[in-house]
Amino acid sequence: MKPAAAPALVDSGAAWDAAAAEIAASPALAIDIEGDGFHRYPERVALIQVGLTDGTVHLLDPLALGDLSAVGAALADPAVPKVLHSAAYDVRCLDRDFGFAVRGLFDTAIAAQFCGSRRTGLMNVLAEILDIAVDKPKQLQRMDWSIRPLPPTALAYAVADVAHLLALRAALVERLTGFGRLGWVAEECRRLEQVRYTPPDPPEVAFMALRGARDLSDAGRAILRELFLWRDATAQRVGRPPHHVLSNDTLLLLADNPDAPLHRLRGVDRRVLERHRDRLAEAIRRGVAAAPVPWPRRGGVNPWTPEARERLARLKAWRNAEAEALDLDPGVVWPAPHLEQVALQPGQPSAALDGGEPPWVRAWQWEALGPSLAGFRVEALRDAAA
């Protein structure tokens, strides 16, 4: 295998044509993306890294390249393995920005988890599985990937994210085969292929999810709603993330203290405040004049009786014991939402209680652990009847 090519941004037609041909011909691909969400709003994919089986790494500039359909075709081909690390974010962003779906996906973070790894960041997994040390400076982890030109240190960082993924996959497949868990990981990765981007709630609704909104008065929540709407619109206008315009803490402070002097505020972009002070003040006035916003009240009876909580504790103890035996994280062994339903409805069959879409419990879990859960439930019912 030849060493990775010197990092260079593919941002023109001629370079892209050559890269696209190489990508289409590679038997497997390592994929990563970098977004600009720490610095821009709304977020965009600002860089796509593609590693080839011969060691070449192409750094694609989606902000400059118009037609990336060759990448989409390669990603959609299930016969070509695509290796990503902690792929959920990448899969969502590729769908959001380009409508691309990923097939033939292999997530090295998931695979490492099923090999018993507890620290599944890329640097940790490379060190544990391949004994490779990769230097990833922290200051580059939150950089603005939309700036051009990208500094050489950033290009090298981007290359390092994919340079070893194909070798890592090979080593993990060997370990998983030895554990008899390769099929488990394959099922997890197929589920991950189905992930799609879901737009966030509109600001008219999303303000209620802000930590601290529940603690405000009804009048304060009305002000918070107007401030939240102002912040989102301003963030869209200036192209900066909302928390850079006005921090959440400052939103809550103003909602609770609408007469607070704006010039003394902390957690606000001073340039934005200077340009948009009047609109911010108007948002506060609209909130003060608006109808109060009550906190939604939950109706019905709380199903979590002491007996149900005891059943859940025992089910989690069962899961913990199975996890220890398999040397896996308990969250990997069995999904918590299903255990909760089993605890709440002890008389119902376990399979009938899976209300997830897709189902919470995987096929490999039913096969490997379903009989153990059934035996545990029978024993628990016997103990309850004694």
Foldseek 3Di string as FASTA:
>chain_A
DDAEDQFDEDQDDVSVVVVLVQLLPALAKEWDWDWQQQWFPPIATQWIWIAGPVQYIYIYGPVRDDDPVSVLVSQPDQSYAYEYEPCLVVQARCCVHPVGFGHNYAYLLLLVQLLQDPDRDPQVLCCVQVVDHDDQDPVLVNDRSNDPPDDSVNSVNSSVNGSCRVVSVVSSCVSCVVLVCPVVSVQVVVVSSPRYHDDDDPLLPCLCVQVPLQVAFLLLNLLLSLLSVVLVVLSVVVGGNSQAAANSVQSSVCSRVVPPDPVPDPSHDPVSCVVCVVVNNVSNVSSNPDDGHHDDDDDDDDLDDVQLVVQLVVVLVLLVVVCVVSSHDSCSLAPSVLSSQCSSCVVDDSVVSQPDVVTRDDPVNCVPPVVVVVVVSVVVVVVVVD
